[in-house]
């Protein structure tokens, strides 16, 4: 199941793809991300985690242009919410040297609610998730912490 969120200009800024057979949700951020867009997208991701019964995210940030000004908000306010929805592992994929690299590092070091790993390719992110995401997951498994 794939869901796209669009900005005021009709451009897709976030794609959320629930991939049950891979056992994760792949999210792809694109373009310039305002604080409002990031917050709206983050809430949509939380909803996807809550309803999908999956606890792993492949977070592709390679197409982000510019800084991510909400990394502190995401680490302090959003992370506990998405963890409560069931998230346990997030692979953060970014292009080395990208402007957003510092903001991604801030999120990675500041949030303490689920395990994250910063990687530089989707293949590396997928491999890391394969090592951490269970073969099968049911709702009761989400409640065990």
Protein backbone atom coordinates (compact mmCIF):
# COMPACT_ATOMS: atom_id res chain seq x y z
CA UNK A 1 0.00 0.00 0.00
CA UNK A 2 1.52 3.31 -1.13
CA UNK A 3 0.41 6.74 0.07
CA UNK A 4 1.71 10.12 -1.17
CA UNK A 5 1.55 13.46 0.58
CA UNK A 6 1.72 16.59 -1.56
CA UNK A 7 2.65 20.18 -0.79
CA UNK A 8 0.65 23.29 -1.71
CA UNK A 9 2.11 23.16 -5.24
CA UNK A 10 0.91 19.61 -5.81
CA UNK A 11 4.40 18.12 -5.57
CA UNK A 12 4.92 14.91 -3.63
CA UNK A 13 7.09 15.50 -0.59
CA UNK A 14 6.59 12.15 1.14
CA UNK A 15 5.80 8.66 -0.08
CA UNK A 16 4.82 6.05 2.51
CA UNK A 17 4.95 2.48 1.24
CA UNK A 18 3.89 -0.33 3.58
CA UNK A 19 5.81 -3.38 2.37
CA UNK A 20 4.43 -6.30 4.38
CA UNK A 21 6.52 -9.00 2.68
CA UNK A 22 9.73 -7.11 3.53
CA UNK A 23 8.45 -6.39 7.06
CA UNK A 24 9.00 -2.64 6.94
CA UNK A 25 7.56 0.69 5.88
CA UNK A 26 9.61 2.57 3.33
CA UNK A 27 9.28 6.33 3.47
CA UNK A 28 10.85 8.67 0.92
CA UNK A 29 11.15 12.40 1.59
CA UNK A 30 11.67 14.78 -1.36
CA UNK A 31 12.48 18.44 -1.91
CA UNK A 32 12.52 21.31 0.54
CA UNK A 33 10.87 20.38 3.83
CA UNK A 34 9.29 23.10 5.93
CA UNK A 35 8.56 22.51 9.59
CA UNK A 36 4.84 22.19 8.86
CA UNK A 37 5.44 19.63 6.10
CA UNK A 38 7.72 17.56 8.33
CA UNK A 39 5.17 17.54 11.15
CA UNK A 40 2.32 16.58 8.82
CA UNK A 41 4.42 13.83 7.26
CA UNK A 42 5.60 12.54 10.62
CA UNK A 43 2.03 12.14 11.83
CA UNK A 44 1.17 10.21 8.65
CA UNK A 45 4.17 7.93 9.30
CA UNK A 46 2.98 7.38 12.89
CA UNK A 47 -0.43 6.37 11.57
CA UNK A 48 1.17 3.93 9.10
CA UNK A 49 3.19 2.30 11.89
CA UNK A 50 0.13 2.06 14.10
CA UNK A 51 -2.12 0.46 11.49
CA UNK A 52 0.40 -1.73 9.64
CA UNK A 53 1.58 -3.94 12.53
CA UNK A 54 5.17 -3.32 11.33
CA UNK A 55 7.86 -1.94 13.60
CA UNK A 56 10.63 -1.07 11.12
CA UNK A 57 11.10 1.95 8.85
CA UNK A 58 13.43 2.46 5.90
CA UNK A 59 13.68 6.27 5.89
CA UNK A 60 15.09 7.48 2.55
CA UNK A 61 16.21 11.10 2.80
CA UNK A 62 18.48 11.14 -0.26
CA UNK A 63 16.17 13.47 -2.23
CA UNK A 64 15.86 16.10 0.50
CA UNK A 65 17.04 19.55 -0.55
CA UNK A 66 18.28 21.90 2.14
CA UNK A 67 18.28 21.55 5.91
CA UNK A 68 15.70 19.78 8.05
CA UNK A 69 14.79 22.41 10.60
CA UNK A 70 12.62 20.09 12.69
CA UNK A 71 15.16 17.47 13.73
CA UNK A 72 15.02 18.56 17.38
CA UNK A 73 11.19 18.43 17.36
CA UNK A 74 11.30 15.00 15.71
CA UNK A 75 13.77 13.65 18.30
CA UNK A 76 12.03 15.04 21.38
CA UNK A 77 8.32 15.14 20.51
CA UNK A 78 7.64 12.84 17.56
CA UNK A 79 9.97 9.94 18.43
CA UNK A 80 8.09 8.96 21.61
CA UNK A 81 4.78 9.05 19.72
CA UNK A 82 5.93 6.79 16.89
CA UNK A 83 7.62 4.47 19.39
CA UNK A 84 4.33 4.22 21.27
CA UNK A 85 2.69 3.29 17.94
CA UNK A 86 5.16 0.38 17.70
CA UNK A 87 8.34 1.56 15.94
CA UNK A 88 11.50 -0.22 17.09
CA UNK A 89 14.01 0.22 14.23
CA UNK A 90 14.67 2.98 11.70
CA UNK A 91 17.31 2.94 8.98
CA UNK A 92 18.09 6.56 8.03
CA UNK A 93 19.50 6.74 4.49
CA UNK A 94 21.15 9.96 3.40
CA UNK A 95 23.62 11.12 0.77
CA UNK A 96 27.05 11.86 2.29
CA UNK A 97 27.78 15.58 2.36
CA UNK A 98 24.13 16.58 1.93
CA UNK A 99 22.97 19.75 3.66
CA UNK A 100 20.57 17.69 5.79
CA UNK A 101 23.40 15.47 7.09
CA UNK A 102 23.86 17.49 10.32
CA UNK A 103 20.10 17.51 11.01
CA UNK A 104 19.87 13.75 10.49
CA UNK A 105 22.81 13.25 12.85
CA UNK A 106 21.05 15.44 15.45
CA UNK A 107 17.92 13.29 15.26
CA UNK A 108 19.99 10.09 15.40
CA UNK A 109 21.87 11.12 18.55
CA UNK A 110 19.04 12.91 20.38
CA UNK A 111 16.14 10.46 20.11
CA UNK A 112 16.22 7.54 22.53
CA UNK A 113 12.96 5.70 21.89
CA UNK A 114 13.94 3.25 19.15
CA UNK A 115 17.11 2.05 17.46
CA UNK A 116 18.39 4.05 14.49
CA UNK A 117 21.27 3.63 12.09
CA UNK A 118 22.49 6.23 9.59
CA UNK A 119 23.51 4.68 6.27
CA UNK A 120 24.50 5.96 2.83
CA UNK A 121 22.61 3.57 0.54
CA UNK A 122 19.19 1.98 0.36
CA UNK A 123 20.78 -1.44 -0.01
CA UNK A 124 22.68 -0.97 3.26
CA UNK A 125 19.48 0.20 4.96
CA UNK A 126 17.57 -2.81 3.71
CA UNK A 127 20.29 -5.18 4.88
CA UNK A 128 20.35 -3.59 8.35
CA UNK A 129 16.56 -3.89 8.64
CA UNK A 130 16.64 -7.54 7.51
CA UNK A 131 18.88 -8.23 10.51
CA UNK A 132 16.52 -6.52 12.97
CA UNK A 133 12.96 -6.94 11.75
CA UNK A 134 11.15 -10.15 12.71
CA UNK A 135 9.87 -12.55 10.08
CA UNK A 136 6.32 -12.26 11.40
CA UNK A 137 4.83 -9.67 13.69
CA UNK A 138 1.43 -9.59 15.28
CA UNK A 139 -0.24 -6.84 17.29
CA UNK A 140 0.45 -8.53 20.66
CA UNK A 141 4.17 -8.54 19.80
CA UNK A 142 4.03 -4.75 19.58
CA UNK A 143 2.93 -4.54 23.21
CA UNK A 144 5.93 -6.45 24.53
CA UNK A 145 8.65 -3.96 25.36
